[in-house]
Amino acid sequence: MPKITIYSTMLCPYCFMAKRLLTKKGLEFEEIDVGANPGLRDEMTDRADGRHTVPQIFIDDRHVGGCDDLHALDRSGELDTLLAG
């Protein structure tokens, strides 16, 4: 199973929706809260090629984007392909 990492903040509704989709699919993920830690937000921004909004989601080392990007991948069936390895 690929490693899923989601950079988020506690009160972000888009983060909640992305985590809900992953949970609904029965997937485990590592959540990194960048709300109170500028160093973690900088790490996220570097990994996400300059994107600074949350959530930023990674499957293994592939940046898949934010909540809308994750849902689009799911609708197209590509998310299941990425998760299959």
Protein backbone atom coordinates (compact mmCIF):
# COMPACT_ATOMS: atom_id res chain seq x y z
CA MET A 1 0.00 0.00 0.00
CA PRO A 2 1.43 3.41 -0.94
CA LYS A 3 2.17 5.94 1.79
CA ILE A 4 -0.33 8.80 1.81
CA THR A 5 0.62 12.09 3.43
CA ILE A 6 -1.75 15.02 3.86
CA TYR A 7 -0.58 18.42 5.04
CA SER A 8 -3.49 20.15 6.74
CA THR A 9 -4.69 22.58 9.36
CA MET A 10 -7.20 21.84 12.07
CA LEU A 11 -10.05 24.11 10.92
CA CYS A 12 -9.76 23.68 7.14
CA PRO A 13 -12.99 22.38 5.55
CA TYR A 14 -11.12 21.22 2.42
CA CYS A 15 -8.74 19.21 4.60
CA PHE A 16 -11.74 17.61 6.28
CA MET A 17 -13.30 16.69 2.91
CA ALA A 18 -10.04 15.20 1.62
CA LYS A 19 -9.55 13.15 4.80
CA ARG A 20 -13.17 12.01 4.65
CA LEU A 21 -12.69 10.69 1.10
CA LEU A 22 -9.52 8.83 2.08
CA THR A 23 -11.22 7.38 5.16
CA LYS A 24 -14.29 6.37 3.14
CA LYS A 25 -11.99 4.43 0.82
CA GLY A 26 -10.53 2.66 3.87
CA LEU A 27 -7.11 4.25 3.46
CA GLU A 28 -4.65 5.12 6.18
CA PHE A 29 -2.73 8.36 5.91
CA GLU A 30 -0.20 10.44 7.78
CA GLU A 31 -1.56 13.86 8.66
CA ILE A 32 0.87 16.72 9.21
CA ASP A 33 -0.73 19.79 10.83
CA VAL A 34 1.08 22.87 9.51
CA GLY A 35 -1.14 25.37 11.33
CA ALA A 36 1.15 26.08 14.25
CA ASN A 37 4.49 25.21 12.73
CA PRO A 38 5.98 27.48 10.05
CA GLY A 39 8.79 24.98 9.44
CA LEU A 40 6.32 22.26 8.48
CA ARG A 41 4.45 24.70 6.21
CA ASP A 42 7.77 25.53 4.51
CA GLU A 43 8.42 21.79 4.08
CA MET A 44 4.96 21.39 2.53
CA THR A 45 5.47 24.34 0.19
CA ASP A 46 8.83 22.97 -0.96
CA ARG A 47 7.40 19.50 -1.61
CA ALA A 48 4.35 20.98 -3.37
CA ASP A 49 6.37 23.09 -5.84
CA GLY A 50 5.37 26.37 -4.23
CA ARG A 51 1.74 25.62 -3.46
CA HIS A 52 1.04 26.98 0.00
CA THR A 53 -2.64 26.26 0.59
CA VAL A 54 -3.91 23.25 2.50
CA PRO A 55 -4.47 20.47 2.05
CA GLN A 56 -1.52 19.28 0.01
CA ILE A 57 -1.66 15.55 -0.59
CA PHE A 58 1.08 13.11 -1.57
CA ILE A 59 0.90 9.46 -2.54
CA ASP A 60 4.37 8.11 -1.94
CA ASP A 61 6.49 10.93 -3.38
CA ARG A 62 3.94 12.00 -6.00
CA HIS A 63 2.21 15.31 -5.32
CA VAL A 64 -1.44 14.89 -6.22
CA GLY A 65 -2.48 18.39 -5.17
CA GLY A 66 -5.30 19.60 -2.98
CA CYS A 67 -8.81 18.51 -2.14
CA ASP A 68 -10.31 19.29 -5.56
CA ASP A 69 -7.44 17.47 -7.27
CA LEU A 70 -7.93 14.41 -5.04
CA HIS A 71 -11.66 14.29 -5.77
CA ALA A 72 -11.03 14.69 -9.52
CA LEU A 73 -8.60 11.76 -9.42
CA ASP A 74 -11.22 9.71 -7.61
CA ARG A 75 -13.95 10.56 -10.13
CA SER A 76 -11.72 9.63 -13.06
CA GLY A 77 -10.66 6.33 -11.46
CA GLU A 78 -7.01 7.40 -11.48
CA LEU A 79 -6.84 7.53 -7.68
CA ASP A 80 -7.49 3.78 -7.44
CA THR A 81 -4.80 3.20 -10.07
CA LEU A 82 -2.28 5.25 -8.07
CA LEU A 83 -3.16 3.40 -4.89
CA ALA A 84 -2.78 0.03 -6.57
CA GLY A 85 0.85 0.78 -6.99
